[in-house]
Each structure stands twice: as C-alpha cells, then as structure tokens.
N, C-alpha and C. Protein backbone atom coordinates (compact mmCIF):
# COMPACT_ATOMS: atom_id res chain seq x y z
N MET A 1 0.80 -1.17 0.05
CA MET A 1 -0.04 0.05 -0.22
C MET A 1 0.80 1.19 0.13
N LYS A 2 1.86 1.24 0.88
CA LYS A 2 2.57 2.30 1.03
C LYS A 2 3.52 2.56 -0.26
N ASP A 3 4.02 1.60 -0.95
CA ASP A 3 4.72 1.57 -2.32
C ASP A 3 3.86 2.40 -3.46
N LYS A 4 2.67 2.06 -3.37
CA LYS A 4 1.91 2.18 -4.54
C LYS A 4 1.25 3.76 -4.16
N ASN A 5 1.20 4.49 -3.02
CA ASN A 5 1.07 5.50 -2.66
C ASN A 5 2.72 6.44 -2.93
N ARG A 6 3.58 5.67 -2.84
CA ARG A 6 4.70 6.59 -3.10
C ARG A 6 5.23 6.44 -4.82
N LYS A 7 4.61 5.44 -5.49
CA LYS A 7 4.52 5.69 -6.94
C LYS A 7 3.65 6.66 -7.42
N GLY A 8 2.62 6.59 -6.87
CA GLY A 8 1.60 7.69 -7.41
C GLY A 8 2.20 9.09 -7.17
N LYS A 9 2.73 9.32 -6.42
CA LYS A 9 3.44 10.64 -5.83
C LYS A 9 4.50 10.86 -6.80
N PHE A 10 5.56 9.79 -7.20
CA PHE A 10 6.60 10.22 -8.01
C PHE A 10 5.81 10.40 -9.13
N LEU A 11 4.98 9.71 -9.84
CA LEU A 11 4.45 9.83 -11.22
C LEU A 11 3.91 11.45 -11.19
N HIS A 12 3.51 11.92 -9.92
CA HIS A 12 2.67 13.14 -10.20
C HIS A 12 3.74 14.24 -10.24
N ILE A 13 4.67 14.13 -9.43
CA ILE A 13 5.57 14.93 -9.59
C ILE A 13 6.30 15.14 -10.99
N LEU A 14 6.63 14.07 -11.60
CA LEU A 14 7.24 13.50 -12.85
C LEU A 14 6.54 14.01 -13.83
N GLY A 15 4.99 14.11 -13.83
CA GLY A 15 4.28 14.66 -14.59
C GLY A 15 4.04 16.31 -14.88
N ILE A 16 4.23 16.68 -13.48
CA ILE A 16 4.60 18.39 -13.04
C ILE A 16 5.87 18.71 -13.88
N VAL A 17 6.73 18.02 -13.78
CA VAL A 17 8.15 18.28 -14.35
C VAL A 17 7.99 17.99 -15.63
N MET A 18 7.40 17.56 -16.20
CA MET A 18 7.51 17.44 -17.88
C MET A 18 6.60 18.29 -18.29
N GLN A 19 5.47 18.58 -17.72
CA GLN A 19 4.60 20.13 -18.41
C GLN A 19 5.41 21.00 -18.07
N THR A 20 6.12 21.26 -17.06
CA THR A 20 7.01 22.42 -17.09
C THR A 20 7.90 22.84 -18.01
N ILE A 21 8.57 21.37 -18.11
CA ILE A 21 9.58 21.62 -19.50
C ILE A 21 9.18 21.84 -20.68
N GLY A 22 8.09 21.36 -20.91
CA GLY A 22 7.10 21.44 -22.30
C GLY A 22 6.54 23.05 -22.38
N TYR A 23 6.20 23.34 -21.34
CA TYR A 23 5.71 24.78 -21.66
C TYR A 23 6.95 25.82 -21.53
N LEU A 24 8.09 25.65 -20.96
CA LEU A 24 9.03 26.19 -21.17
C LEU A 24 9.70 26.37 -22.48
N LEU A 25 9.83 25.09 -23.06
CA LEU A 25 10.21 25.03 -24.59
C LEU A 25 9.22 25.59 -25.53
N LEU A 26 7.87 25.75 -25.19
CA LEU A 26 6.97 26.40 -25.84
C LEU A 26 7.05 27.78 -25.85
N ILE A 27 7.42 28.30 -24.61
CA ILE A 27 7.52 29.69 -24.45
C ILE A 27 8.89 30.33 -25.57
N GLY A 28 10.00 29.29 -25.37
CA GLY A 28 10.99 29.51 -25.92
C GLY A 28 10.99 29.58 -27.43
N VAL A 29 10.24 28.67 -28.15
CA VAL A 29 9.86 28.57 -29.38
C VAL A 29 9.30 29.64 -29.97
N VAL A 30 8.22 30.08 -29.28
CA VAL A 30 7.30 31.52 -29.55
C VAL A 30 8.39 32.63 -29.58
N SER A 31 9.32 32.83 -28.57
CA SER A 31 10.14 33.72 -28.27
C SER A 31 11.15 33.87 -29.50
N ALA A 32 11.41 32.84 -29.65
CA ALA A 32 12.54 32.77 -30.83
C ALA A 32 11.89 33.10 -32.19
N PHE A 33 10.62 32.92 -32.35
CA PHE A 33 9.86 33.26 -33.53
C PHE A 33 9.64 34.54 -33.46
N PHE A 34 9.06 35.22 -32.31
CA PHE A 34 9.13 36.84 -32.76
C PHE A 34 10.09 37.70 -32.69
N GLY A 35 11.51 36.75 -32.08
CA GLY A 35 12.66 37.59 -31.93
C GLY A 35 13.33 37.33 -33.00
N ASP A 36 12.80 36.59 -34.08
CA ASP A 36 13.83 36.07 -35.14
C ASP A 36 13.95 37.61 -36.22
N GLY A 37 15.50 37.58 -36.34
CA GLY A 37 15.85 38.47 -37.26
C GLY A 37 15.90 38.04 -38.79
N GLY A 38 15.39 36.79 -39.08
CA GLY A 38 15.51 35.95 -40.42
C GLY A 38 16.70 35.34 -40.54
N SER A 39 17.37 34.85 -39.33
CA SER A 39 18.68 34.18 -39.56
C SER A 39 18.58 32.70 -38.94
N THR A 40 17.21 32.34 -38.23
CA THR A 40 17.08 31.22 -37.66
C THR A 40 16.92 30.17 -39.00
N ASP A 41 17.10 29.00 -38.85
CA ASP A 41 16.57 27.99 -39.71
C ASP A 41 15.42 26.92 -39.22
N TRP A 42 14.33 27.26 -39.68
CA TRP A 42 13.02 26.87 -39.08
C TRP A 42 12.63 25.41 -39.66
N SER A 43 13.54 24.84 -40.25
CA SER A 43 13.77 23.50 -40.99
C SER A 43 13.18 22.39 -40.10
N GLY A 44 13.58 22.19 -38.67
CA GLY A 44 13.54 21.37 -37.65
C GLY A 44 12.42 21.46 -36.53
N ILE A 45 11.46 22.56 -36.82
CA ILE A 45 10.69 23.03 -35.97
C ILE A 45 9.39 21.76 -35.99
N GLY A 46 9.21 21.25 -36.89
CA GLY A 46 8.15 20.00 -36.54
C GLY A 46 8.52 18.91 -35.62
N PHE A 47 9.50 18.56 -35.57
CA PHE A 47 10.47 17.81 -34.33
C PHE A 47 10.28 18.36 -32.89
N GLY A 48 10.38 19.72 -32.84
CA GLY A 48 10.53 20.43 -31.69
C GLY A 48 9.03 20.44 -31.32
N LEU A 49 7.95 20.78 -32.02
CA LEU A 49 6.72 21.07 -31.88
C LEU A 49 6.05 19.51 -31.39
N VAL A 50 6.48 18.59 -31.76
CA VAL A 50 5.93 17.17 -31.42
C VAL A 50 6.55 16.86 -30.17
N GLY A 51 7.94 17.17 -29.94
CA GLY A 51 8.62 16.58 -28.44
C GLY A 51 7.68 17.60 -27.48
N LEU A 52 7.45 19.09 -27.55
CA LEU A 52 6.88 19.75 -26.45
C LEU A 52 5.44 19.44 -26.24
N THR A 53 5.12 18.97 -27.50
CA THR A 53 3.31 18.60 -27.15
C THR A 53 3.52 17.44 -26.90
N ALA A 54 4.37 16.32 -26.89
CA ALA A 54 4.30 15.19 -26.20
C ALA A 54 4.85 15.42 -24.62
N LEU A 55 5.45 16.17 -23.94
CA LEU A 55 5.65 16.54 -23.03
C LEU A 55 4.64 16.94 -22.26
N ILE A 56 3.94 17.97 -23.06
CA ILE A 56 2.68 18.39 -22.13
C ILE A 56 1.37 17.59 -22.18
N VAL A 57 1.27 16.49 -22.96
CA VAL A 57 0.40 15.78 -22.79
C VAL A 57 0.64 14.61 -22.23
N VAL A 58 1.82 13.91 -22.15
CA VAL A 58 2.33 13.00 -21.16
C VAL A 58 2.14 13.35 -19.64
N GLY A 59 2.70 14.49 -19.71
CA GLY A 59 3.03 15.01 -18.00
C GLY A 59 1.35 15.44 -17.91
N THR A 60 0.28 15.85 -18.76
CA THR A 60 -1.10 15.92 -18.01
C THR A 60 -1.73 14.69 -17.78
N ILE A 61 -1.17 13.58 -18.48
CA ILE A 61 -1.59 12.32 -18.38
C ILE A 61 -1.52 11.61 -17.01
N LEU A 62 -0.18 11.99 -16.58
CA LEU A 62 0.57 11.70 -15.40
C LEU A 62 -0.11 12.16 -14.37
N THR A 63 -0.41 13.68 -14.62
CA THR A 63 -0.97 14.28 -13.11
C THR A 63 -2.19 13.87 -13.27
N LYS A 64 -2.99 13.52 -13.88
CA LYS A 64 -4.59 13.61 -13.96
C LYS A 64 -4.77 11.76 -13.21
N LYS A 65 -3.89 10.98 -13.25
CA LYS A 65 -3.91 9.43 -12.91
C LYS A 65 -3.74 9.51 -11.67
N ASN A 66 -4.55 8.65 -10.71
CA ASN A 66 -4.21 8.49 -9.31
C ASN A 66 -3.71 7.25 -8.84
C-alpha cells in the first residue's frame, strides 16, 4: 500500500516536471519566432513541436492519474 502511494506521488511529480519543461520549450519557441531577425533555420521546428506537445500531453496524463 505504501509503495503504491509512493509510486503515485512520484508519477505526479514527474508529470508536473514534464509539463513545466514542455511549457518552457513552448515559450522559447514562440520567443525565438517573434525575436527572429531572419537568420534562424526553422526546418526542424516540426520535431520540436512534436516533442514539446508530447511532454505536455504525457505530463498532463501523469498528473491526472491517481
């Protein structure tokens, strides 16, 4: 019983950390987009968006599970 509670708390904290990283990456991408002077190569932005979306979604799922 104690191990299950411990695992649940760990997964909840992991979810919060993953969401935080995802949102910080999103803020960084948006900031780079608006502050771009035309010198940034945006060819790999699709992979970045998939990665930050996955972090946010998985983090949300982990925080909702009990």
